[in-house]
Amino acid sequence: MFRISRKMELSDAVLLFEIEAHDIARKAKAGNFFVLRINEQGERIPLTIADFNKENGTITAVFQKMGKTTHQLAELGEGDSIHDVIGPLGMHSHIENFGKVICVGGGVGIAPVYPIARALKEAGNTVLSVIGARTKNLIFWEEKMREVSDDLIIVTDDGSQGRKAVVTVPVDELLSEDKSIQRVIAIGPAIMMKFVCVTTEKHQVKTIVSLNSIMVDGTGMCGACRVEVGGETKFACVDGPEFDGHQVDFNLLMARQRMYGEEEKAAFERYKITLEVK
């Protein structure tokens, strides 16, 4: 059992858990993820390791309440335990001194881009960060991102915080103004990552994305997380989750993400009924 040592609401729908998982915290690196199962009957869901503390033996998860399992997870509090937590999984981020980089986080993607931005800064890079969301209430970790960024740009779709724009607008401007930028790292909804890649491709700047495909076991055995990269089938859990965004078939990725939409909706409706009965 893995104890929740801290719970925090980052916005109306986004929560943060610090989970006691000493072995995972000891080995975790930027870009890794883990899989949890709330109880023996629970669904296995992957979450990015948004932060880790090797001394305290904790990992940080940030998640948005979307379906049945994430709503069920949100019902847990400090001192409660999660039945299974396995990790760190996936290939960690490739970190070196590239020179000047842009880190882009969209919505909940702000959380997984943070440890990458921090690692890139520690490696000596000049880090320009862009974070965005639909509205002010979905922006979080502004100060944490400022601490690891040489410059931070905030955008919202409705202009309620920072600039009224989508993340591709400042990314395009930065790449147009500064030809010394060597790499872009983008994490967020698939549609956001797709258009960041469309933007960066015309500037011929290598772009890394972290793919949030459907996963079950997280070890490459089930094949649920398969994606097409450069015309080849890859498994996001063991070959990724990070890939060259210019090689990713985002249309196929988004189609696969919608595969179980009806089943997910039905599961959530059944869960709401159980809550009403209680």
C-alpha atoms as a PDB file:
ATOM      1  CA  MET A   1       0.000   0.000   0.000  1.00  0.00           C
ATOM      2  CA  PHE A   2       1.218   3.493  -0.859  1.00  0.00           C
ATOM      3  CA  ARG A   3       0.230   6.313   1.485  1.00  0.00           C
ATOM      4  CA  ILE A   4      -0.895   9.737   0.272  1.00  0.00           C
ATOM      5  CA  SER A   5       1.116  12.182   2.362  1.00  0.00           C
ATOM      6  CA  ARG A   6      -0.201  15.361   0.773  1.00  0.00           C
ATOM      7  CA  LYS A   7      -3.255  16.409  -1.226  1.00  0.00           C
ATOM      8  CA  MET A   8      -3.759  19.800  -2.835  1.00  0.00           C
ATOM      9  CA  GLU A   9      -6.378  21.240  -5.166  1.00  0.00           C
ATOM     10  CA  LEU A  10      -4.585  23.138  -7.929  1.00  0.00           C
ATOM     11  CA  SER A  11      -7.826  24.157  -9.645  1.00  0.00           C
ATOM     12  CA  ASP A  12     -11.479  23.163  -9.776  1.00  0.00           C
ATOM     13  CA  ALA A  13     -10.664  19.911 -11.584  1.00  0.00           C
ATOM     14  CA  VAL A  14      -6.903  19.412 -11.083  1.00  0.00           C
ATOM     15  CA  LEU A  15      -5.427  17.824  -7.970  1.00  0.00           C
ATOM     16  CA  LEU A  16      -1.948  17.074  -6.666  1.00  0.00           C
ATOM     17  CA  PHE A  17      -1.002  14.014  -4.632  1.00  0.00           C
ATOM     18  CA  GLU A  18       2.320  13.341  -2.983  1.00  0.00           C
ATOM     19  CA  ILE A  19       2.623   9.580  -2.617  1.00  0.00           C
ATOM     20  CA  GLU A  20       5.072   7.702  -0.429  1.00  0.00           C
ATOM     21  CA  ALA A  21       6.916   5.417  -2.844  1.00  0.00           C
ATOM     22  CA  HIS A  22      10.543   5.237  -1.737  1.00  0.00           C
ATOM     23  CA  ASP A  23      11.916   2.894  -4.400  1.00  0.00           C
ATOM     24  CA  ILE A  24      10.257   4.814  -7.224  1.00  0.00           C
ATOM     25  CA  ALA A  25      11.404   8.201  -5.896  1.00  0.00           C
ATOM     26  CA  ARG A  26      14.972   6.898  -5.604  1.00  0.00           C
ATOM     27  CA  LYS A  27      15.121   5.917  -9.284  1.00  0.00           C
ATOM     28  CA  ALA A  28      12.813   8.495 -10.891  1.00  0.00           C
ATOM     29  CA  LYS A  29      14.043  10.877 -13.575  1.00  0.00           C
ATOM     30  CA  ALA A  30      12.393  13.607 -15.622  1.00  0.00           C
ATOM     31  CA  GLY A  31      10.041  12.093 -18.185  1.00  0.00           C
ATOM     32  CA  ASN A  32       9.224   8.879 -16.298  1.00  0.00           C
ATOM     33  CA  PHE A  33       5.685   7.842 -15.428  1.00  0.00           C
ATOM     34  CA  PHE A  34       4.028   5.345 -13.098  1.00  0.00           C
ATOM     35  CA  VAL A  35       0.890   3.214 -13.097  1.00  0.00           C
ATOM     36  CA  LEU A  36      -1.492   3.049 -10.149  1.00  0.00           C
ATOM     37  CA  ARG A  37      -4.465   0.960  -9.145  1.00  0.00           C
ATOM     38  CA  ILE A  38      -6.683   2.352  -6.396  1.00  0.00           C
ATOM     39  CA  ASN A  39      -7.871  -1.054  -5.158  1.00  0.00           C
ATOM     40  CA  GLU A  40      -7.875  -4.693  -6.223  1.00  0.00           C
ATOM     41  CA  GLN A  41     -10.864  -4.159  -8.512  1.00  0.00           C
ATOM     42  CA  GLY A  42      -9.563  -0.871  -9.862  1.00  0.00           C
ATOM     43  CA  GLU A  43      -8.495   0.217 -13.320  1.00  0.00           C
ATOM     44  CA  ARG A  44      -4.777   0.671 -14.001  1.00  0.00           C
ATOM     45  CA  ILE A  45      -4.043   4.256 -15.053  1.00  0.00           C
ATOM     46  CA  PRO A  46      -0.729   5.888 -16.025  1.00  0.00           C
ATOM     47  CA  LEU A  47       0.317   9.219 -14.516  1.00  0.00           C
ATOM     48  CA  THR A  48       3.468  11.218 -15.151  1.00  0.00           C
ATOM     49  CA  ILE A  49       5.888  11.679 -12.269  1.00  0.00           C
ATOM     50  CA  ALA A  50       5.498  15.438 -11.992  1.00  0.00           C
ATOM     51  CA  ASP A  51       8.128  15.708  -9.261  1.00  0.00           C
ATOM     52  CA  PHE A  52      10.040  13.475  -6.878  1.00  0.00           C
ATOM     53  CA  ASN A  53      11.855  13.823  -3.573  1.00  0.00           C
ATOM     54  CA  LYS A  54      14.539  11.212  -3.062  1.00  0.00           C
ATOM     55  CA  GLU A  55      15.137  12.211   0.579  1.00  0.00           C
ATOM     56  CA  ASN A  56      11.474  12.004   1.613  1.00  0.00           C
ATOM     57  CA  GLY A  57      10.775   9.058  -0.665  1.00  0.00           C
ATOM     58  CA  THR A  58       7.777  10.700  -2.343  1.00  0.00           C
ATOM     59  CA  ILE A  59       6.588  11.136  -5.905  1.00  0.00           C
ATOM     60  CA  THR A  60       4.179  13.829  -7.037  1.00  0.00           C
ATOM     61  CA  ALA A  61       1.214  13.165  -9.312  1.00  0.00           C
ATOM     62  CA  VAL A  62      -0.964  15.847 -10.869  1.00  0.00           C
ATOM     63  CA  PHE A  63      -4.195  14.685 -12.493  1.00  0.00           C
ATOM     64  CA  GLN A  64      -7.443  16.075 -13.818  1.00  0.00           C
ATOM     65  CA  LYS A  65     -10.822  14.658 -12.868  1.00  0.00           C
ATOM     66  CA  MET A  66     -12.084  13.288 -16.163  1.00  0.00           C
ATOM     67  CA  GLY A  67     -13.566   9.809 -15.886  1.00  0.00           C
ATOM     68  CA  LYS A  68     -14.578   7.251 -13.295  1.00  0.00           C
ATOM     69  CA  THR A  69     -11.106   6.356 -11.966  1.00  0.00           C
ATOM     70  CA  THR A  70      -9.770   9.902 -11.676  1.00  0.00           C
ATOM     71  CA  HIS A  71     -12.944  11.005  -9.866  1.00  0.00           C
ATOM     72  CA  GLN A  72     -12.619   7.999  -7.578  1.00  0.00           C
ATOM     73  CA  LEU A  73      -8.962   8.843  -6.982  1.00  0.00           C
ATOM     74  CA  ALA A  74      -9.931  12.404  -6.098  1.00  0.00           C
ATOM     75  CA  GLU A  75     -12.112  11.098  -3.275  1.00  0.00           C
ATOM     76  CA  LEU A  76      -9.021   9.880  -1.413  1.00  0.00           C
ATOM     77  CA  GLY A  77      -7.402  12.168   1.145  1.00  0.00           C
ATOM     78  CA  GLU A  78      -4.192  12.613   3.078  1.00  0.00           C
ATOM     79  CA  GLY A  79      -3.417   9.479   5.043  1.00  0.00           C
ATOM     80  CA  ASP A  80      -5.350   7.218   2.670  1.00  0.00           C
ATOM     81  CA  SER A  81      -3.492   4.595   0.670  1.00  0.00           C
ATOM     82  CA  ILE A  82      -3.393   3.485  -2.960  1.00  0.00           C
ATOM     83  CA  HIS A  83      -3.274  -0.270  -3.464  1.00  0.00           C
ATOM     84  CA  ASP A  84      -0.663  -0.474  -6.254  1.00  0.00           C
ATOM     85  CA  VAL A  85       1.917   1.972  -7.574  1.00  0.00           C
ATOM     86  CA  ILE A  86       4.539   0.710 -10.044  1.00  0.00           C
ATOM     87  CA  GLY A  87       7.382   2.647 -11.627  1.00  0.00           C
ATOM     88  CA  PRO A  88       9.359   4.447 -12.701  1.00  0.00           C
ATOM     89  CA  LEU A  89       8.256   3.429 -16.183  1.00  0.00           C
ATOM     90  CA  GLY A  90       9.127   4.600 -19.666  1.00  0.00           C
ATOM     91  CA  MET A  91      12.299   6.090 -21.074  1.00  0.00           C
ATOM     92  CA  HIS A  92      13.387   9.186 -19.176  1.00  0.00           C
ATOM     93  CA  SER A  93      13.934  12.471 -20.986  1.00  0.00           C
ATOM     94  CA  HIS A  94      17.143  12.982 -22.949  1.00  0.00           C
ATOM     95  CA  ILE A  95      18.844  15.822 -21.097  1.00  0.00           C
ATOM     96  CA  GLU A  96      21.972  17.636 -22.214  1.00  0.00           C
ATOM     97  CA  ASN A  97      23.129  21.197 -22.789  1.00  0.00           C
ATOM     98  CA  PHE A  98      21.462  21.946 -26.120  1.00  0.00           C
ATOM     99  CA  GLY A  99      21.930  25.689 -25.652  1.00  0.00           C
ATOM    100  CA  LYS A 100      18.521  27.337 -25.828  1.00  0.00           C
ATOM    101  CA  VAL A 101      15.249  25.410 -25.563  1.00  0.00           C
ATOM    102  CA  ILE A 102      11.516  26.059 -25.338  1.00  0.00           C
ATOM    103  CA  CYS A 103       9.368  24.056 -22.894  1.00  0.00           C
ATOM    104  CA  VAL A 104       5.638  24.114 -23.626  1.00  0.00           C
ATOM    105  CA  GLY A 105       3.004  22.905 -21.171  1.00  0.00           C
ATOM    106  CA  GLY A 106      -0.694  22.890 -21.981  1.00  0.00           C
ATOM    107  CA  GLY A 107      -3.284  22.332 -19.258  1.00  0.00           C
ATOM    108  CA  VAL A 108      -2.320  19.380 -17.061  1.00  0.00           C
ATOM    109  CA  GLY A 109       0.764  19.087 -19.288  1.00  0.00           C
ATOM    110  CA  ILE A 110       2.284  21.881 -17.204  1.00  0.00           C
ATOM    111  CA  ALA A 111       3.017  19.282 -14.519  1.00  0.00           C
ATOM    112  CA  PRO A 112       5.101  16.815 -16.574  1.00  0.00           C
ATOM    113  CA  VAL A 113       6.968  19.581 -18.407  1.00  0.00           C
ATOM    114  CA  TYR A 114       8.166  21.052 -15.094  1.00  0.00           C
ATOM    115  CA  PRO A 115      10.759  18.377 -14.137  1.00  0.00           C
ATOM    116  CA  ILE A 116      12.034  18.397 -17.730  1.00  0.00           C
ATOM    117  CA  ALA A 117      12.465  22.173 -17.687  1.00  0.00           C
ATOM    118  CA  ARG A 118      14.234  21.885 -14.335  1.00  0.00           C
ATOM    119  CA  ALA A 119      16.602  19.183 -15.594  1.00  0.00           C
ATOM    120  CA  LEU A 120      17.358  21.176 -18.748  1.00  0.00           C
ATOM    121  CA  LYS A 121      18.101  24.268 -16.659  1.00  0.00           C
ATOM    122  CA  GLU A 122      20.388  22.263 -14.356  1.00  0.00           C
ATOM    123  CA  ALA A 123      22.225  21.017 -17.469  1.00  0.00           C
ATOM    124  CA  GLY A 124      23.056  24.608 -18.386  1.00  0.00           C
ATOM    125  CA  ASN A 125      20.387  25.385 -20.965  1.00  0.00           C
ATOM    126  CA  THR A 126      18.632  28.707 -21.426  1.00  0.00           C
ATOM    127  CA  VAL A 127      15.024  27.677 -20.835  1.00  0.00           C
ATOM    128  CA  LEU A 128      12.151  29.622 -22.350  1.00  0.00           C
ATOM    129  CA  SER A 129       8.820  28.297 -21.089  1.00  0.00           C
ATOM    130  CA  VAL A 130       5.306  28.716 -22.421  1.00  0.00           C
ATOM    131  CA  ILE A 131       2.340  27.481 -20.383  1.00  0.00           C
ATOM    132  CA  GLY A 132      -1.288  27.781 -21.334  1.00  0.00           C
ATOM    133  CA  ALA A 133      -4.832  26.671 -20.600  1.00  0.00           C
ATOM    134  CA  ARG A 134      -8.396  27.511 -21.504  1.00  0.00           C
ATOM    135  CA  THR A 135      -8.814  29.873 -18.567  1.00  0.00           C
ATOM    136  CA  LYS A 136      -7.020  31.278 -15.507  1.00  0.00           C
ATOM    137  CA  ASN A 137      -8.484  28.652 -13.167  1.00  0.00           C
ATOM    138  CA  LEU A 138      -6.598  25.906 -15.018  1.00  0.00           C
ATOM    139  CA  ILE A 139      -3.173  27.557 -14.784  1.00  0.00           C
ATOM    140  CA  PHE A 140      -0.998  26.217 -11.954  1.00  0.00           C
ATOM    141  CA  TRP A 141       2.656  26.002 -10.885  1.00  0.00           C
ATOM    142  CA  GLU A 142       3.420  29.451 -12.287  1.00  0.00           C
ATOM    143  CA  GLU A 143       6.048  30.121  -9.623  1.00  0.00           C
ATOM    144  CA  LYS A 144       7.632  26.691  -9.965  1.00  0.00           C
ATOM    145  CA  MET A 145       7.958  27.221 -13.711  1.00  0.00           C
ATOM    146  CA  ARG A 146       9.446  30.688 -13.181  1.00  0.00           C
ATOM    147  CA  GLU A 147      12.099  29.207 -10.895  1.00  0.00           C
ATOM    148  CA  VAL A 148      13.418  26.933 -13.653  1.00  0.00           C
ATOM    149  CA  SER A 149      12.888  29.279 -16.625  1.00  0.00           C
ATOM    150  CA  ASP A 150      14.884  32.201 -17.948  1.00  0.00           C
ATOM    151  CA  ASP A 151      11.605  33.546 -19.299  1.00  0.00           C
ATOM    152  CA  LEU A 152       8.016  32.405 -18.779  1.00  0.00           C
ATOM    153  CA  ILE A 153       5.102  33.255 -21.051  1.00  0.00           C
ATOM    154  CA  ILE A 154       1.537  32.529 -19.913  1.00  0.00           C
ATOM    155  CA  VAL A 155      -1.387  32.358 -22.327  1.00  0.00           C
ATOM    156  CA  THR A 156      -5.071  31.583 -21.881  1.00  0.00           C
ATOM    157  CA  ASP A 157      -7.757  31.055 -24.504  1.00  0.00           C
ATOM    158  CA  ASP A 158     -10.005  33.664 -22.880  1.00  0.00           C
ATOM    159  CA  GLY A 159      -7.292  36.123 -21.820  1.00  0.00           C
ATOM    160  CA  SER A 160      -8.131  35.761 -18.112  1.00  0.00           C
ATOM    161  CA  GLN A 161      -4.431  35.347 -17.285  1.00  0.00           C
ATOM    162  CA  GLY A 162      -1.401  36.385 -19.262  1.00  0.00           C
ATOM    163  CA  ARG A 163      -1.872  36.862 -22.970  1.00  0.00           C
ATOM    164  CA  LYS A 164      -5.021  35.917 -24.876  1.00  0.00           C
ATOM    165  CA  ALA A 165      -3.628  33.325 -27.254  1.00  0.00           C
ATOM    166  CA  VAL A 166      -2.917  29.639 -27.723  1.00  0.00           C
ATOM    167  CA  VAL A 167       0.586  28.326 -27.005  1.00  0.00           C
ATOM    168  CA  THR A 168       1.551  28.085 -30.677  1.00  0.00           C
ATOM    169  CA  VAL A 169       1.448  31.881 -31.045  1.00  0.00           C
ATOM    170  CA  PRO A 170       4.357  32.704 -28.685  1.00  0.00           C
ATOM    171  CA  VAL A 171       6.220  29.574 -29.825  1.00  0.00           C
ATOM    172  CA  ASP A 172       6.069  30.776 -33.418  1.00  0.00           C
ATOM    173  CA  GLU A 173       7.180  34.266 -32.386  1.00  0.00           C
ATOM    174  CA  LEU A 174      10.122  32.986 -30.334  1.00  0.00           C
ATOM    175  CA  LEU A 175      11.316  30.752 -33.163  1.00  0.00           C
ATOM    176  CA  SER A 176      10.933  33.572 -35.689  1.00  0.00           C
ATOM    177  CA  GLU A 177      12.903  36.027 -33.538  1.00  0.00           C
ATOM    178  CA  ASP A 178      15.650  33.721 -32.280  1.00  0.00           C
ATOM    179  CA  LYS A 179      17.282  31.262 -34.684  1.00  0.00           C
ATOM    180  CA  SER A 180      19.560  29.933 -31.925  1.00  0.00           C
ATOM    181  CA  ILE A 181      16.774  27.892 -30.301  1.00  0.00           C
ATOM    182  CA  GLN A 182      17.780  24.258 -30.657  1.00  0.00           C
ATOM    183  CA  ARG A 183      14.886  22.238 -29.291  1.00  0.00           C
ATOM    184  CA  VAL A 184      11.232  22.413 -28.268  1.00  0.00           C
ATOM    185  CA  ILE A 185       9.612  20.104 -25.705  1.00  0.00           C
ATOM    186  CA  ALA A 186       5.804  20.122 -25.740  1.00  0.00           C
ATOM    187  CA  ILE A 187       3.428  18.268 -23.422  1.00  0.00           C
ATOM    188  CA  GLY A 188      -0.320  18.632 -23.302  1.00  0.00           C
ATOM    189  CA  PRO A 189      -3.451  17.503 -25.147  1.00  0.00           C
ATOM    190  CA  ALA A 190      -2.706  15.649 -28.374  1.00  0.00           C
ATOM    191  CA  ILE A 191      -4.260  18.375 -30.506  1.00  0.00           C
ATOM    192  CA  MET A 192      -2.037  20.979 -28.851  1.00  0.00           C
ATOM    193  CA  MET A 193       1.100  18.910 -29.386  1.00  0.00           C
ATOM    194  CA  LYS A 194       0.119  18.344 -33.018  1.00  0.00           C
ATOM    195  CA  PHE A 195      -0.104  22.055 -33.769  1.00  0.00           C
ATOM    196  CA  VAL A 196       3.045  22.872 -31.827  1.00  0.00           C
ATOM    197  CA  CYS A 197       4.774  20.388 -34.138  1.00  0.00           C
ATOM    198  CA  VAL A 198       3.181  21.969 -37.215  1.00  0.00           C
ATOM    199  CA  THR A 199       4.528  25.313 -35.979  1.00  0.00           C
ATOM    200  CA  THR A 200       8.048  24.109 -35.217  1.00  0.00           C
ATOM    201  CA  GLU A 201       8.393  22.038 -38.374  1.00  0.00           C
ATOM    202  CA  LYS A 202       8.360  25.114 -40.564  1.00  0.00           C
ATOM    203  CA  HIS A 203      11.254  26.482 -38.476  1.00  0.00           C
ATOM    204  CA  GLN A 204      13.048  23.110 -38.710  1.00  0.00           C
ATOM    205  CA  VAL A 205      13.531  22.877 -34.932  1.00  0.00           C
ATOM    206  CA  LYS A 206      13.535  19.403 -33.384  1.00  0.00           C
ATOM    207  CA  THR A 207      10.470  18.907 -31.217  1.00  0.00           C
ATOM    208  CA  ILE A 208       9.894  16.284 -28.528  1.00  0.00           C
ATOM    209  CA  VAL A 209       6.396  15.341 -27.369  1.00  0.00           C
ATOM    210  CA  SER A 210       5.169  13.021 -24.614  1.00  0.00           C
ATOM    211  CA  LEU A 211       2.350  10.805 -25.866  1.00  0.00           C
ATOM    212  CA  ASN A 212      -0.662  10.150 -23.662  1.00  0.00           C
ATOM    213  CA  SER A 213      -1.954   7.083 -25.461  1.00  0.00           C
ATOM    214  CA  ILE A 214      -4.181   4.448 -23.833  1.00  0.00           C
ATOM    215  CA  MET A 215      -2.196   2.134 -21.546  1.00  0.00           C
ATOM    216  CA  VAL A 216      -3.019  -0.988 -19.575  1.00  0.00           C
ATOM    217  CA  ASP A 217       0.044  -2.772 -18.185  1.00  0.00           C
ATOM    218  CA  GLY A 218       2.709  -0.148 -18.922  1.00  0.00           C
ATOM    219  CA  THR A 219       5.365  -2.741 -19.770  1.00  0.00           C
ATOM    220  CA  GLY A 220       4.855  -3.288 -23.511  1.00  0.00           C
ATOM    221  CA  MET A 221       2.975  -6.582 -23.272  1.00  0.00           C
ATOM    222  CA  CYS A 222      -0.620  -5.531 -23.953  1.00  0.00           C
ATOM    223  CA  GLY A 223      -0.006  -3.359 -27.020  1.00  0.00           C
ATOM    224  CA  ALA A 224      -2.773  -0.911 -26.090  1.00  0.00           C
ATOM    225  CA  CYS A 225      -0.437   2.081 -26.199  1.00  0.00           C
ATOM    226  CA  ARG A 226       0.855   1.506 -29.726  1.00  0.00           C
ATOM    227  CA  VAL A 227       1.453   4.615 -31.770  1.00  0.00           C
ATOM    228  CA  GLU A 228       2.876   5.253 -35.228  1.00  0.00           C
ATOM    229  CA  VAL A 229       6.157   7.155 -35.323  1.00  0.00           C
ATOM    230  CA  GLY A 230       8.051   7.589 -38.571  1.00  0.00           C
ATOM    231  CA  GLY A 231       5.833   4.987 -40.213  1.00  0.00           C
ATOM    232  CA  GLU A 232       6.712   2.353 -37.604  1.00  0.00           C
ATOM    233  CA  THR A 233       4.678   0.978 -34.711  1.00  0.00           C
ATOM    234  CA  LYS A 234       6.049   1.991 -31.328  1.00  0.00           C
ATOM    235  CA  PHE A 235       4.820   1.381 -27.792  1.00  0.00           C
ATOM    236  CA  ALA A 236       4.506   4.584 -25.772  1.00  0.00           C
ATOM    237  CA  CYS A 237       5.127   2.783 -22.487  1.00  0.00           C
ATOM    238  CA  VAL A 238       8.525   1.268 -23.312  1.00  0.00           C
ATOM    239  CA  ASP A 239       9.746   3.087 -26.431  1.00  0.00           C
ATOM    240  CA  GLY A 240       8.490   6.437 -25.089  1.00  0.00           C
ATOM    241  CA  PRO A 241       6.542   8.206 -23.830  1.00  0.00           C
ATOM    242  CA  GLU A 242       8.706  10.842 -25.573  1.00  0.00           C
ATOM    243  CA  PHE A 243       9.097  10.842 -29.345  1.00  0.00           C
ATOM    244  CA  ASP A 244      10.147  13.142 -32.171  1.00  0.00           C
ATOM    245  CA  GLY A 245       6.907  15.038 -32.690  1.00  0.00           C
ATOM    246  CA  HIS A 246       7.525  15.583 -36.398  1.00  0.00           C
ATOM    247  CA  GLN A 247       7.396  11.795 -36.877  1.00  0.00           C
ATOM    248  CA  VAL A 248       4.199  11.130 -34.876  1.00  0.00           C
ATOM    249  CA  ASP A 249       0.900  10.293 -36.594  1.00  0.00           C
ATOM    250  CA  PHE A 250      -1.261  12.488 -34.369  1.00  0.00           C
ATOM    251  CA  ASN A 251      -4.481  11.742 -36.243  1.00  0.00           C
ATOM    252  CA  LEU A 252      -4.072   8.040 -35.487  1.00  0.00           C
ATOM    253  CA  LEU A 253      -3.154   8.823 -31.867  1.00  0.00           C
ATOM    254  CA  MET A 254      -6.295  10.907 -31.365  1.00  0.00           C
ATOM    255  CA  ALA A 255      -8.469   8.285 -33.035  1.00  0.00           C
ATOM    256  CA  ARG A 256      -7.125   5.621 -30.676  1.00  0.00           C
ATOM    257  CA  GLN A 257      -7.718   7.897 -27.675  1.00  0.00           C
ATOM    258  CA  ARG A 258     -11.413   7.981 -28.618  1.00  0.00           C
ATOM    259  CA  MET A 259     -11.735   4.193 -29.046  1.00  0.00           C
ATOM    260  CA  TYR A 260     -13.337   3.527 -25.674  1.00  0.00           C
ATOM    261  CA  GLY A 261     -15.260   6.771 -25.319  1.00  0.00           C
ATOM    262  CA  GLU A 262     -18.650   5.119 -24.936  1.00  0.00           C
ATOM    263  CA  GLU A 263     -17.356   2.558 -22.434  1.00  0.00           C
ATOM    264  CA  GLU A 264     -15.650   5.299 -20.413  1.00  0.00           C
ATOM    265  CA  LYS A 265     -18.842   7.336 -20.377  1.00  0.00           C
ATOM    266  CA  ALA A 266     -20.901   4.328 -19.259  1.00  0.00           C
ATOM    267  CA  ALA A 267     -18.439   3.504 -16.463  1.00  0.00           C
ATOM    268  CA  PHE A 268     -18.582   7.086 -15.199  1.00  0.00           C
ATOM    269  CA  GLU A 269     -22.403   7.085 -15.247  1.00  0.00           C
ATOM    270  CA  ARG A 270     -22.486   3.844 -13.231  1.00  0.00           C
ATOM    271  CA  TYR A 271     -20.015   5.365 -10.751  1.00  0.00           C
ATOM    272  CA  LYS A 272     -22.202   8.454 -10.281  1.00  0.00           C
ATOM    273  CA  ILE A 273     -25.171   6.205  -9.539  1.00  0.00           C
ATOM    274  CA  THR A 274     -23.220   4.421  -6.776  1.00  0.00           C
ATOM    275  CA  LEU A 275     -22.406   7.815  -5.238  1.00  0.00           C
ATOM    276  CA  GLU A 276     -26.070   8.796  -5.274  1.00  0.00           C
ATOM    277  CA  VAL A 277     -27.039   5.533  -3.577  1.00  0.00           C
ATOM    278  CA  LYS A 278     -24.495   6.213  -0.803  1.00  0.00           C
END
